[in-house]
Each structure stands twice: as C-alpha cells, then as structure tokens.
Amino acid sequence: MVENIDFSSLPSSLFESKVQLTEGLQYLEFEGAKIAFDFSPSIQPCENLLVLVNGYQRNRLDFRAFRKKIEKLSPTTATLALDNRFCGQTTVTSTETLTVPRMARDVEALSALFCKALQLNTFSLLGISMGGMIVQTLASYHSKVNKLFLISTTAGGKGRTWPVEVKDPLALEYKNHYENLESTKKHMARYFGKRFLKNSSLLFEMMCKTLVKSKSDAQDNKNAEIQFYASASFDRSNHLSEIKAKTFIISGDEDQIIPVENASYLSNNIPNSSLTIYSEVGHLILIEEPEKFAIDISNFLK
C-alpha cells in the first residue's frame, strides 16, 4: 500500500519519461501500470494545470465536453485527464491490492511530470466520486495543490453517510448491476435526479443500452470489482484538516449514491473550503448540470 505521497518520494527515473504538451493519447509506465492519459494545452500562456480524476469505472473521455468549456472560460488553464488503474485504456501488471492511495500516487506522478514540463510550481485537482477520494488523499499531503475540487464524494470512514439501502457497510459485496437492460436501468436511475430522468428519458435509455454492451466483458467485470473494494474501504476522515488547498465542494441534493451529508462533512472539516449544493440534481453533476458546473469551476479557478 502506498501511503507516502510526496513529490520527493517519486523515483528519479520518472522524470526521464517524455510527455507531449499537445493533445492526444499518451501513456506513462509507472510502478506496475501503463497509465493512459491525455493533455489539453491552454489557449493563452499557461498559468494553471487542472488534473481531472474520474470516478468508479468511469474514464477520462467523460471530461471531453467539460474540457472544451474550461478551455473557453479559463483560457490560461491546461487540463490533464487519466484513466485510473483497472479502467479505460490503462493496463495493470502489478499484483498489489488496489487502494485509493495507490491511485493517488499515479495522479501525483503525472502532476509532477507536467508541472516540470509547464514550469509550474503548483497544480489544481478535480475529482468526481471515487476520483474525489483520490484527489483529497493527494491534497492532504501536498502543499503544491493550489485549488481542490471535490465533486459528489466522501471522506470515508466516520465521515461517510451511506445510501439508505446499505444496512451494514462492513458486509458490502460487489454485484454486477449491468447484466441486462432492466437491471441496468434500475441501477442507473439511482444516479440521477428526478428532473433529469423526466426530461432526458431518451438519453437515459441510450446510456443504459451502451452500458449493457460495454459491461459484458468478464475482465471489465473483474476490474469493476477491484475498484469497488478499493473505494468501499476508503477512509480519509482523520486527515481532512491537513488539506491546505482552497477547496470547492459540490454535491447534488438528490444524490442517492453518495448522499449530500458527505459534502457537508467535508466542508465542515476542510479548513479553507466552500460548499455548493445543486438543487434537483443527483450523483452525475457532469451530465445533469454541465453548463453551470463548468462556470462554477472556472470562476473558482480565477
């Protein structure tokens, strides 16, 4: 398990890796994984690097539309997004047990490389759901994190409010919810607010059909199980006071996956933080409120 997250702990050989400051898929071979990522340069001279970390079984491509908006709204901000271990185009050869600190170290390595390439002394982090767990872990160790965005996420441990259907968190077991269209729709309906489900029924249907097709592979199912246990056991509740970055926390008031109480706990325990609650919105803010979300993030980056 990786616990010491500090640029000084990174191997010197990492900085021999070459990265391109242009758009397009790249890979970083790092500590038992070949990490897939891509970089989007800023329109104007770069003043900030925003590293985007997605949630459970979601990949970097979810950020495509958001990154285009940030490019226009915050022209001095470059963005970097990766596929976490056991997701997307990242491949893993290591046999170590996956943990959130392990994934945070991958984000650390990429952030260090691009800070060096861009000649920046600080960087910003945005994490959604499990990605929020990853970035708060990294931020609790790093004074180099300038702005921190925690979206639809939790501190874990004593700071975690579970969905009402979870009676015993210690007895949680992985289950594949995407075996057919009916089970997928039933599960995915919990991720959205009522307004979205009513107004975007065709989009919801299309998303569920896509998920059924993409989750049919046995290896994908195994990867999902690995990430599930890494996020379910997460606990950073005793380290929130160590986060020095200016922090912006966002949650939807109809989030059934990571209820809004989790955002309040984060806000109450991270020293320099502010909290925004989106009304009639569920867990997937990036889909439900894309315009408002991009504006709020860009305003906080200023």
C-alpha atoms as a PDB file:
ATOM      1  CA  MET A   1       0.000   0.000   0.000  1.00  0.00           C
ATOM      2  CA  VAL A   2       1.291   3.437  -0.960  1.00  0.00           C
ATOM      3  CA  GLU A   3       0.895   5.936   1.884  1.00  0.00           C
ATOM      4  CA  ASN A   4       3.785   8.379   1.471  1.00  0.00           C
ATOM      5  CA  ILE A   5       2.572  10.789  -1.177  1.00  0.00           C
ATOM      6  CA  ASP A   6       5.141  13.460  -1.795  1.00  0.00           C
ATOM      7  CA  PHE A   7       6.966  14.565  -4.947  1.00  0.00           C
ATOM      8  CA  SER A   8      10.237  13.778  -3.179  1.00  0.00           C
ATOM      9  CA  SER A   9       9.159  10.150  -2.877  1.00  0.00           C
ATOM     10  CA  LEU A  10       8.901   9.736  -6.633  1.00  0.00           C
ATOM     11  CA  PRO A  11      11.745   7.813  -8.287  1.00  0.00           C
ATOM     12  CA  SER A  12      14.222   9.983 -10.171  1.00  0.00           C
ATOM     13  CA  SER A  13      13.770   7.736 -13.208  1.00  0.00           C
ATOM     14  CA  LEU A  14      10.202   9.033 -13.544  1.00  0.00           C
ATOM     15  CA  PHE A  15      11.494  12.398 -14.695  1.00  0.00           C
ATOM     16  CA  GLU A  16      13.245  10.751 -17.619  1.00  0.00           C
ATOM     17  CA  SER A  17       9.797   9.989 -19.054  1.00  0.00           C
ATOM     18  CA  LYS A  18       8.867  12.148 -22.023  1.00  0.00           C
ATOM     19  CA  VAL A  19       5.474  13.834 -22.204  1.00  0.00           C
ATOM     20  CA  GLN A  20       3.964  15.825 -25.034  1.00  0.00           C
ATOM     21  CA  LEU A  21       2.357  19.211 -24.433  1.00  0.00           C
ATOM     22  CA  THR A  22      -0.086  18.584 -27.264  1.00  0.00           C
ATOM     23  CA  GLU A  23      -3.456  16.857 -27.490  1.00  0.00           C
ATOM     24  CA  GLY A  24      -3.658  13.112 -27.986  1.00  0.00           C
ATOM     25  CA  LEU A  25      -3.453   9.838 -26.088  1.00  0.00           C
ATOM     26  CA  GLN A  26      -0.218   9.202 -24.178  1.00  0.00           C
ATOM     27  CA  TYR A  27       0.996   6.516 -21.791  1.00  0.00           C
ATOM     28  CA  LEU A  28       3.153   6.534 -18.682  1.00  0.00           C
ATOM     29  CA  GLU A  29       4.697   3.298 -17.467  1.00  0.00           C
ATOM     30  CA  PHE A  30       4.786   3.675 -13.709  1.00  0.00           C
ATOM     31  CA  GLU A  31       5.034   1.217 -10.847  1.00  0.00           C
ATOM     32  CA  GLY A  32       3.312  -1.759 -12.400  1.00  0.00           C
ATOM     33  CA  ALA A  33       0.904   0.035 -14.702  1.00  0.00           C
ATOM     34  CA  LYS A  34       0.762   1.615 -18.145  1.00  0.00           C
ATOM     35  CA  ILE A  35      -1.345   4.680 -17.414  1.00  0.00           C
ATOM     36  CA  ALA A  36      -3.384   6.162 -20.256  1.00  0.00           C
ATOM     37  CA  PHE A  37      -3.809   9.940 -20.195  1.00  0.00           C
ATOM     38  CA  ASP A  38      -4.197  12.964 -22.410  1.00  0.00           C
ATOM     39  CA  PHE A  39      -3.309  16.630 -22.125  1.00  0.00           C
ATOM     40  CA  SER A  40      -5.111  19.710 -23.448  1.00  0.00           C
ATOM     41  CA  PRO A  41      -2.971  22.868 -23.642  1.00  0.00           C
ATOM     42  CA  SER A  42      -4.313  26.244 -22.609  1.00  0.00           C
ATOM     43  CA  ILE A  43      -5.269  28.781 -25.294  1.00  0.00           C
ATOM     44  CA  GLN A  44      -3.244  31.533 -23.632  1.00  0.00           C
ATOM     45  CA  PRO A  45       0.107  31.154 -21.809  1.00  0.00           C
ATOM     46  CA  CYS A  46      -0.455  28.512 -19.145  1.00  0.00           C
ATOM     47  CA  GLU A  47      -0.872  29.692 -15.570  1.00  0.00           C
ATOM     48  CA  ASN A  48      -2.589  26.643 -14.117  1.00  0.00           C
ATOM     49  CA  LEU A  49      -2.749  22.887 -14.613  1.00  0.00           C
ATOM     50  CA  LEU A  50      -6.083  21.255 -13.734  1.00  0.00           C
ATOM     51  CA  VAL A  51      -5.815  17.489 -13.292  1.00  0.00           C
ATOM     52  CA  LEU A  52      -9.117  15.654 -13.775  1.00  0.00           C
ATOM     53  CA  VAL A  53      -9.773  12.355 -11.985  1.00  0.00           C
ATOM     54  CA  ASN A  54     -12.942  10.423 -12.691  1.00  0.00           C
ATOM     55  CA  GLY A  55     -14.980   8.079 -10.534  1.00  0.00           C
ATOM     56  CA  TYR A  56     -15.709   4.401 -10.226  1.00  0.00           C
ATOM     57  CA  GLN A  57     -15.340   2.643 -13.594  1.00  0.00           C
ATOM     58  CA  ARG A  58     -15.510   5.939 -15.483  1.00  0.00           C
ATOM     59  CA  ASN A  59     -12.720   7.013 -17.816  1.00  0.00           C
ATOM     60  CA  ARG A  60     -11.143  10.270 -18.893  1.00  0.00           C
ATOM     61  CA  LEU A  61     -13.363  10.603 -22.001  1.00  0.00           C
ATOM     62  CA  ASP A  62     -16.284  11.715 -19.805  1.00  0.00           C
ATOM     63  CA  PHE A  63     -14.465  15.040 -19.435  1.00  0.00           C
ATOM     64  CA  ARG A  64     -14.324  15.883 -23.159  1.00  0.00           C
ATOM     65  CA  ALA A  65     -17.200  18.387 -23.277  1.00  0.00           C
ATOM     66  CA  PHE A  66     -16.266  19.876 -19.902  1.00  0.00           C
ATOM     67  CA  ARG A  67     -12.669  20.454 -21.031  1.00  0.00           C
ATOM     68  CA  LYS A  68     -13.853  22.343 -24.102  1.00  0.00           C
ATOM     69  CA  LYS A  69     -15.895  24.611 -21.862  1.00  0.00           C
ATOM     70  CA  ILE A  70     -12.976  25.201 -19.491  1.00  0.00           C
ATOM     71  CA  GLU A  71     -10.769  25.996 -22.474  1.00  0.00           C
ATOM     72  CA  LYS A  72     -13.051  28.929 -23.317  1.00  0.00           C
ATOM     73  CA  LEU A  73     -13.965  30.020 -19.802  1.00  0.00           C
ATOM     74  CA  SER A  74     -10.446  29.746 -18.365  1.00  0.00           C
ATOM     75  CA  PRO A  75      -8.035  30.222 -21.303  1.00  0.00           C
ATOM     76  CA  THR A  76      -4.908  30.155 -19.121  1.00  0.00           C
ATOM     77  CA  THR A  77      -5.768  26.701 -17.728  1.00  0.00           C
ATOM     78  CA  ALA A  78      -4.394  23.491 -19.235  1.00  0.00           C
ATOM     79  CA  THR A  79      -6.122  20.214 -18.394  1.00  0.00           C
ATOM     80  CA  LEU A  80      -4.819  16.700 -17.866  1.00  0.00           C
ATOM     81  CA  ALA A  81      -7.023  13.608 -17.521  1.00  0.00           C
ATOM     82  CA  LEU A  82      -6.146   9.961 -16.916  1.00  0.00           C
ATOM     83  CA  ASP A  83      -7.715   6.530 -16.754  1.00  0.00           C
ATOM     84  CA  ASN A  84      -7.338   5.123 -13.248  1.00  0.00           C
ATOM     85  CA  ARG A  85      -5.977   1.619 -12.723  1.00  0.00           C
ATOM     86  CA  PHE A  86      -8.413  -1.072 -13.821  1.00  0.00           C
ATOM     87  CA  CYS A  87     -10.371   1.275 -16.042  1.00  0.00           C
ATOM     88  CA  GLY A  88     -10.329   2.632 -19.588  1.00  0.00           C
ATOM     89  CA  GLN A  89      -7.114   2.185 -21.542  1.00  0.00           C
ATOM     90  CA  THR A  90      -4.837   1.886 -18.508  1.00  0.00           C
ATOM     91  CA  THR A  91      -3.389  -1.596 -18.063  1.00  0.00           C
ATOM     92  CA  VAL A  92      -2.013  -3.090 -14.849  1.00  0.00           C
ATOM     93  CA  THR A  93       0.658  -5.751 -14.376  1.00  0.00           C
ATOM     94  CA  SER A  94       1.195  -5.248 -10.645  1.00  0.00           C
ATOM     95  CA  THR A  95      -0.367  -7.811  -8.313  1.00  0.00           C
ATOM     96  CA  GLU A  96      -0.609  -5.473  -5.318  1.00  0.00           C
ATOM     97  CA  THR A  97      -4.049  -4.826  -3.830  1.00  0.00           C
ATOM     98  CA  LEU A  98      -5.591  -1.703  -5.296  1.00  0.00           C
ATOM     99  CA  THR A  99      -6.131   1.186  -2.866  1.00  0.00           C
ATOM    100  CA  VAL A 100      -7.103   4.823  -3.198  1.00  0.00           C
ATOM    101  CA  PRO A 101      -3.574   5.940  -2.099  1.00  0.00           C
ATOM    102  CA  ARG A 102      -2.160   3.749  -4.889  1.00  0.00           C
ATOM    103  CA  MET A 103      -4.265   5.602  -7.454  1.00  0.00           C
ATOM    104  CA  ALA A 104      -3.362   8.933  -5.848  1.00  0.00           C
ATOM    105  CA  ARG A 105       0.302   8.183  -6.443  1.00  0.00           C
ATOM    106  CA  ASP A 106      -0.393   7.747 -10.161  1.00  0.00           C
ATOM    107  CA  VAL A 107      -2.015  11.189 -10.211  1.00  0.00           C
ATOM    108  CA  GLU A 108       0.962  12.526  -8.296  1.00  0.00           C
ATOM    109  CA  ALA A 109       3.416  11.155 -10.868  1.00  0.00           C
ATOM    110  CA  LEU A 110       1.589  12.696 -13.822  1.00  0.00           C
ATOM    111  CA  SER A 111       1.142  16.012 -11.990  1.00  0.00           C
ATOM    112  CA  ALA A 112       4.855  16.140 -11.223  1.00  0.00           C
ATOM    113  CA  LEU A 113       5.816  15.458 -14.830  1.00  0.00           C
ATOM    114  CA  PHE A 114       3.538  18.135 -16.232  1.00  0.00           C
ATOM    115  CA  CYS A 115       4.396  20.706 -13.587  1.00  0.00           C
ATOM    116  CA  LYS A 116       8.005  20.279 -14.649  1.00  0.00           C
ATOM    117  CA  ALA A 117       7.182  20.423 -18.367  1.00  0.00           C
ATOM    118  CA  LEU A 118       4.984  23.510 -17.934  1.00  0.00           C
ATOM    119  CA  GLN A 119       7.345  25.131 -15.408  1.00  0.00           C
ATOM    120  CA  LEU A 120       4.588  25.441 -12.810  1.00  0.00           C
ATOM    121  CA  ASN A 121       5.100  25.389  -9.055  1.00  0.00           C
ATOM    122  CA  THR A 122       1.523  24.372  -8.242  1.00  0.00           C
ATOM    123  CA  PHE A 123      -1.369  22.466  -9.787  1.00  0.00           C
ATOM    124  CA  SER A 124      -5.099  22.008  -9.194  1.00  0.00           C
ATOM    125  CA  LEU A 125      -7.100  18.815  -8.762  1.00  0.00           C
ATOM    126  CA  LEU A 126     -10.689  17.926  -9.602  1.00  0.00           C
ATOM    127  CA  GLY A 127     -12.112  14.573  -8.579  1.00  0.00           C
ATOM    128  CA  ILE A 128     -15.584  13.122  -9.044  1.00  0.00           C
ATOM    129  CA  SER A 129     -16.919  10.444  -6.674  1.00  0.00           C
ATOM    130  CA  MET A 130     -14.056   7.915  -6.320  1.00  0.00           C
ATOM    131  CA  GLY A 131     -11.902  10.491  -8.070  1.00  0.00           C
ATOM    132  CA  GLY A 132     -12.728  12.866  -5.216  1.00  0.00           C
ATOM    133  CA  MET A 133     -11.367  10.294  -2.791  1.00  0.00           C
ATOM    134  CA  ILE A 134      -8.171  10.107  -4.834  1.00  0.00           C
ATOM    135  CA  VAL A 135      -7.565  13.856  -5.062  1.00  0.00           C
ATOM    136  CA  GLN A 136      -8.332  14.606  -1.402  1.00  0.00           C
ATOM    137  CA  THR A 137      -5.799  11.928  -0.473  1.00  0.00           C
ATOM    138  CA  LEU A 138      -3.163  13.617  -2.612  1.00  0.00           C
ATOM    139  CA  ALA A 139      -4.083  17.123  -1.426  1.00  0.00           C
ATOM    140  CA  SER A 140      -3.733  16.127   2.224  1.00  0.00           C
ATOM    141  CA  TYR A 141      -0.009  15.592   1.595  1.00  0.00           C
ATOM    142  CA  HIS A 142       0.745  18.282  -0.937  1.00  0.00           C
ATOM    143  CA  SER A 143       1.305  21.976  -0.402  1.00  0.00           C
ATOM    144  CA  LYS A 144       1.719  22.147  -4.191  1.00  0.00           C
ATOM    145  CA  VAL A 145      -2.034  21.715  -4.702  1.00  0.00           C
ATOM    146  CA  ASN A 146      -3.431  25.184  -5.355  1.00  0.00           C
ATOM    147  CA  LYS A 147      -7.171  24.583  -5.877  1.00  0.00           C
ATOM    148  CA  LEU A 148      -9.068  21.416  -4.982  1.00  0.00           C
ATOM    149  CA  PHE A 149     -12.480  20.436  -6.350  1.00  0.00           C
ATOM    150  CA  LEU A 150     -14.388  17.651  -4.597  1.00  0.00           C
ATOM    151  CA  ILE A 151     -17.457  16.599  -6.557  1.00  0.00           C
ATOM    152  CA  SER A 152     -20.120  14.143  -5.351  1.00  0.00           C
ATOM    153  CA  THR A 153     -17.681  12.488  -2.981  1.00  0.00           C
ATOM    154  CA  THR A 154     -16.957  11.487   0.610  1.00  0.00           C
ATOM    155  CA  ALA A 155     -14.221  11.485   3.244  1.00  0.00           C
ATOM    156  CA  GLY A 156     -14.999   7.842   4.019  1.00  0.00           C
ATOM    157  CA  GLY A 157     -14.828   6.238   7.452  1.00  0.00           C
ATOM    158  CA  LYS A 158     -16.712   8.108  10.171  1.00  0.00           C
ATOM    159  CA  GLY A 159     -17.328  10.918   7.675  1.00  0.00           C
ATOM    160  CA  ARG A 160     -19.277   8.705   5.295  1.00  0.00           C
ATOM    161  CA  THR A 161     -23.050   8.676   5.117  1.00  0.00           C
ATOM    162  CA  TRP A 162     -24.075   5.613   3.144  1.00  0.00           C
ATOM    163  CA  PRO A 163     -27.202   5.270   0.981  1.00  0.00           C
ATOM    164  CA  VAL A 164     -30.247   4.147   2.967  1.00  0.00           C
ATOM    165  CA  GLU A 165     -30.193   0.664   1.424  1.00  0.00           C
ATOM    166  CA  VAL A 166     -26.717  -0.050   2.833  1.00  0.00           C
ATOM    167  CA  LYS A 167     -27.511  -1.564   6.218  1.00  0.00           C
ATOM    168  CA  ASP A 168     -24.012  -2.818   7.055  1.00  0.00           C
ATOM    169  CA  PRO A 169     -21.081  -1.162   5.212  1.00  0.00           C
ATOM    170  CA  LEU A 170     -18.683  -3.814   6.531  1.00  0.00           C
ATOM    171  CA  ALA A 171     -20.710  -6.510   4.788  1.00  0.00           C
ATOM    172  CA  LEU A 172     -20.759  -4.831   1.370  1.00  0.00           C
ATOM    173  CA  GLU A 173     -20.180  -7.187  -1.536  1.00  0.00           C
ATOM    174  CA  TYR A 174     -19.611  -6.430  -5.196  1.00  0.00           C
ATOM    175  CA  LYS A 175     -22.505  -7.041  -7.562  1.00  0.00           C
ATOM    176  CA  ASN A 176     -22.679  -6.635 -11.320  1.00  0.00           C
ATOM    177  CA  HIS A 177     -25.706  -4.408 -11.975  1.00  0.00           C
ATOM    178  CA  TYR A 178     -25.314  -4.388 -15.768  1.00  0.00           C
ATOM    179  CA  GLU A 179     -26.304  -7.946 -16.681  1.00  0.00           C
ATOM    180  CA  ASN A 180     -29.281  -6.814 -18.782  1.00  0.00           C
ATOM    181  CA  LEU A 181     -31.112  -3.634 -19.745  1.00  0.00           C
ATOM    182  CA  GLU A 182     -33.711  -3.935 -16.980  1.00  0.00           C
ATOM    183  CA  SER A 183     -31.150  -4.309 -14.178  1.00  0.00           C
ATOM    184  CA  THR A 184     -29.030  -1.527 -15.683  1.00  0.00           C
ATOM    185  CA  LYS A 185     -31.921   0.939 -15.829  1.00  0.00           C
ATOM    186  CA  LYS A 186     -32.962   0.132 -12.273  1.00  0.00           C
ATOM    187  CA  HIS A 187     -29.425   0.696 -11.002  1.00  0.00           C
ATOM    188  CA  MET A 188     -28.624   3.780 -13.082  1.00  0.00           C
ATOM    189  CA  ALA A 189     -31.874   5.538 -12.116  1.00  0.00           C
ATOM    190  CA  ARG A 190     -30.328   5.961  -8.669  1.00  0.00           C
ATOM    191  CA  TYR A 191     -27.520   8.068 -10.156  1.00  0.00           C
ATOM    192  CA  PHE A 192     -29.763  10.862 -11.435  1.00  0.00           C
ATOM    193  CA  GLY A 193     -32.162  13.408 -10.035  1.00  0.00           C
ATOM    194  CA  LYS A 194     -35.878  13.148 -10.801  1.00  0.00           C
ATOM    195  CA  ARG A 195     -35.789  16.169 -13.129  1.00  0.00           C
ATOM    196  CA  PHE A 196     -33.163  14.630 -15.395  1.00  0.00           C
ATOM    197  CA  LEU A 197     -34.976  11.282 -15.554  1.00  0.00           C
ATOM    198  CA  LYS A 198     -38.185  13.063 -16.541  1.00  0.00           C
ATOM    199  CA  ASN A 199     -36.698  15.464 -19.107  1.00  0.00           C
ATOM    200  CA  SER A 200     -33.988  13.235 -20.590  1.00  0.00           C
ATOM    201  CA  SER A 201     -35.614   9.814 -20.814  1.00  0.00           C
ATOM    202  CA  LEU A 202     -34.271   9.069 -24.310  1.00  0.00           C
ATOM    203  CA  LEU A 203     -30.718   9.980 -23.300  1.00  0.00           C
ATOM    204  CA  PHE A 204     -31.062   7.816 -20.194  1.00  0.00           C
ATOM    205  CA  GLU A 205     -32.260   4.859 -22.286  1.00  0.00           C
ATOM    206  CA  MET A 206     -29.347   5.259 -24.701  1.00  0.00           C
ATOM    207  CA  MET A 207     -26.825   5.462 -21.857  1.00  0.00           C
ATOM    208  CA  CYS A 208     -28.182   2.269 -20.285  1.00  0.00           C
ATOM    209  CA  LYS A 209     -28.042   0.360 -23.579  1.00  0.00           C
ATOM    210  CA  THR A 210     -24.430   1.472 -24.041  1.00  0.00           C
ATOM    211  CA  LEU A 211     -23.558   0.330 -20.523  1.00  0.00           C
ATOM    212  CA  VAL A 212     -25.034  -3.127 -21.096  1.00  0.00           C
ATOM    213  CA  LYS A 213     -22.842  -3.577 -24.165  1.00  0.00           C
ATOM    214  CA  SER A 214     -19.681  -2.209 -22.580  1.00  0.00           C
ATOM    215  CA  LYS A 215     -20.006  -4.213 -19.335  1.00  0.00           C
ATOM    216  CA  SER A 216     -20.466  -7.632 -20.942  1.00  0.00           C
ATOM    217  CA  ASP A 217     -16.751  -8.484 -20.870  1.00  0.00           C
ATOM    218  CA  ALA A 218     -15.618 -10.729 -17.986  1.00  0.00           C
ATOM    219  CA  GLN A 219     -12.393  -8.758 -17.476  1.00  0.00           C
ATOM    220  CA  ASP A 220     -14.327  -5.491 -17.241  1.00  0.00           C
ATOM    221  CA  ASN A 221     -16.461  -7.081 -14.541  1.00  0.00           C
ATOM    222  CA  LYS A 222     -13.353  -8.151 -12.630  1.00  0.00           C
ATOM    223  CA  ASN A 223     -11.866  -4.661 -12.957  1.00  0.00           C
ATOM    224  CA  ALA A 224     -15.076  -3.174 -11.592  1.00  0.00           C
ATOM    225  CA  GLU A 225     -14.905  -5.493  -8.595  1.00  0.00           C
ATOM    226  CA  ILE A 226     -11.310  -4.438  -7.858  1.00  0.00           C
ATOM    227  CA  GLN A 227     -12.181  -0.732  -7.931  1.00  0.00           C
ATOM    228  CA  PHE A 228     -15.341  -1.355  -5.904  1.00  0.00           C
ATOM    229  CA  TYR A 229     -13.454  -2.729  -2.902  1.00  0.00           C
ATOM    230  CA  ALA A 230     -10.790  -0.004  -3.126  1.00  0.00           C
ATOM    231  CA  SER A 231     -13.417   2.747  -2.902  1.00  0.00           C
ATOM    232  CA  ALA A 232     -15.651   0.960  -0.369  1.00  0.00           C
ATOM    233  CA  SER A 233     -12.798   0.683   2.150  1.00  0.00           C
ATOM    234  CA  PHE A 234     -11.645   4.304   1.713  1.00  0.00           C
ATOM    235  CA  ASP A 235     -11.184   6.388   4.854  1.00  0.00           C
ATOM    236  CA  ARG A 236      -9.550   9.802   4.882  1.00  0.00           C
ATOM    237  CA  SER A 237     -11.758  11.312   7.581  1.00  0.00           C
ATOM    238  CA  ASN A 238      -8.906  11.882  10.041  1.00  0.00           C
ATOM    239  CA  HIS A 239      -6.754  13.782   7.523  1.00  0.00           C
ATOM    240  CA  LEU A 240      -9.083  16.483   6.191  1.00  0.00           C
ATOM    241  CA  SER A 241      -7.531  19.176   8.380  1.00  0.00           C
ATOM    242  CA  GLU A 242      -4.229  18.561   6.571  1.00  0.00           C
ATOM    243  CA  ILE A 243      -5.658  19.835   3.283  1.00  0.00           C
ATOM    244  CA  LYS A 244      -4.251  23.337   2.759  1.00  0.00           C
ATOM    245  CA  ALA A 245      -5.574  23.962  -0.756  1.00  0.00           C
ATOM    246  CA  LYS A 246      -8.503  26.287  -1.313  1.00  0.00           C
ATOM    247  CA  THR A 247     -11.305  23.748  -1.740  1.00  0.00           C
ATOM    248  CA  PHE A 248     -14.619  23.863  -3.600  1.00  0.00           C
ATOM    249  CA  ILE A 249     -17.107  21.111  -2.734  1.00  0.00           C
ATOM    250  CA  ILE A 250     -20.157  20.395  -4.916  1.00  0.00           C
ATOM    251  CA  SER A 251     -22.975  17.919  -4.362  1.00  0.00           C
ATOM    252  CA  GLY A 252     -26.480  17.302  -5.673  1.00  0.00           C
ATOM    253  CA  ASP A 253     -29.303  17.337  -3.161  1.00  0.00           C
ATOM    254  CA  GLU A 254     -30.807  14.189  -4.735  1.00  0.00           C
ATOM    255  CA  ASP A 255     -27.601  12.158  -4.768  1.00  0.00           C
ATOM    256  CA  GLN A 256     -28.529   8.592  -3.792  1.00  0.00           C
ATOM    257  CA  ILE A 257     -25.028   7.175  -4.311  1.00  0.00           C
ATOM    258  CA  ILE A 258     -23.006   9.493  -2.054  1.00  0.00           C
ATOM    259  CA  PRO A 259     -25.671  11.473  -0.164  1.00  0.00           C
ATOM    260  CA  VAL A 260     -25.296  15.218   0.312  1.00  0.00           C
ATOM    261  CA  GLU A 261     -24.457  14.769   4.013  1.00  0.00           C
ATOM    262  CA  ASN A 262     -20.998  13.646   2.872  1.00  0.00           C
ATOM    263  CA  ALA A 263     -20.366  17.030   1.267  1.00  0.00           C
ATOM    264  CA  SER A 264     -21.371  18.797   4.465  1.00  0.00           C
ATOM    265  CA  TYR A 265     -18.903  16.689   6.438  1.00  0.00           C
ATOM    266  CA  LEU A 266     -16.111  17.570   4.008  1.00  0.00           C
ATOM    267  CA  SER A 267     -16.986  21.272   4.188  1.00  0.00           C
ATOM    268  CA  ASN A 268     -17.092  21.256   7.989  1.00  0.00           C
ATOM    269  CA  ASN A 269     -13.682  19.584   8.287  1.00  0.00           C
ATOM    270  CA  ILE A 270     -11.568  21.041   5.462  1.00  0.00           C
ATOM    271  CA  PRO A 271     -10.261  24.420   6.722  1.00  0.00           C
ATOM    272  CA  ASN A 272     -10.344  26.589   3.594  1.00  0.00           C
ATOM    273  CA  SER A 273     -13.419  25.233   1.852  1.00  0.00           C
ATOM    274  CA  SER A 274     -16.765  26.316   0.433  1.00  0.00           C
ATOM    275  CA  LEU A 275     -19.818  24.211  -0.391  1.00  0.00           C
ATOM    276  CA  THR A 276     -22.367  24.464  -3.182  1.00  0.00           C
ATOM    277  CA  ILE A 277     -25.456  22.253  -3.352  1.00  0.00           C
ATOM    278  CA  TYR A 278     -27.147  21.793  -6.730  1.00  0.00           C
ATOM    279  CA  SER A 279     -30.932  21.603  -6.439  1.00  0.00           C
ATOM    280  CA  GLU A 280     -32.827  18.690  -8.049  1.00  0.00           C
ATOM    281  CA  VAL A 281     -29.558  17.040  -9.098  1.00  0.00           C
ATOM    282  CA  GLY A 282     -28.260  13.550  -8.404  1.00  0.00           C
ATOM    283  CA  HIS A 283     -24.796  11.999  -8.450  1.00  0.00           C
ATOM    284  CA  LEU A 284     -23.736  12.725 -12.032  1.00  0.00           C
ATOM    285  CA  ILE A 285     -23.444  16.510 -11.992  1.00  0.00           C
ATOM    286  CA  LEU A 286     -21.209  16.498 -15.066  1.00  0.00           C
ATOM    287  CA  ILE A 287     -24.185  15.199 -17.082  1.00  0.00           C
ATOM    288  CA  GLU A 288     -27.088  16.871 -15.291  1.00  0.00           C
ATOM    289  CA  GLU A 289     -25.718  20.432 -14.993  1.00  0.00           C
ATOM    290  CA  PRO A 290     -22.816  20.700 -17.482  1.00  0.00           C
ATOM    291  CA  GLU A 291     -23.052  24.458 -18.129  1.00  0.00           C
ATOM    292  CA  LYS A 292     -23.455  25.570 -14.520  1.00  0.00           C
ATOM    293  CA  PHE A 293     -20.761  23.131 -13.430  1.00  0.00           C
ATOM    294  CA  ALA A 294     -18.194  24.453 -15.919  1.00  0.00           C
ATOM    295  CA  ILE A 295     -18.941  28.075 -14.980  1.00  0.00           C
ATOM    296  CA  ASP A 296     -18.641  27.363 -11.258  1.00  0.00           C
ATOM    297  CA  ILE A 297     -15.325  25.558 -11.719  1.00  0.00           C
ATOM    298  CA  SER A 298     -13.849  28.266 -13.955  1.00  0.00           C
ATOM    299  CA  ASN A 299     -14.916  31.020 -11.540  1.00  0.00           C
ATOM    300  CA  PHE A 300     -13.206  29.238  -8.665  1.00  0.00           C
ATOM    301  CA  LEU A 301     -10.039  28.822 -10.728  1.00  0.00           C
ATOM    302  CA  LYS A 302      -9.684  32.613 -11.103  1.00  0.00           C
END
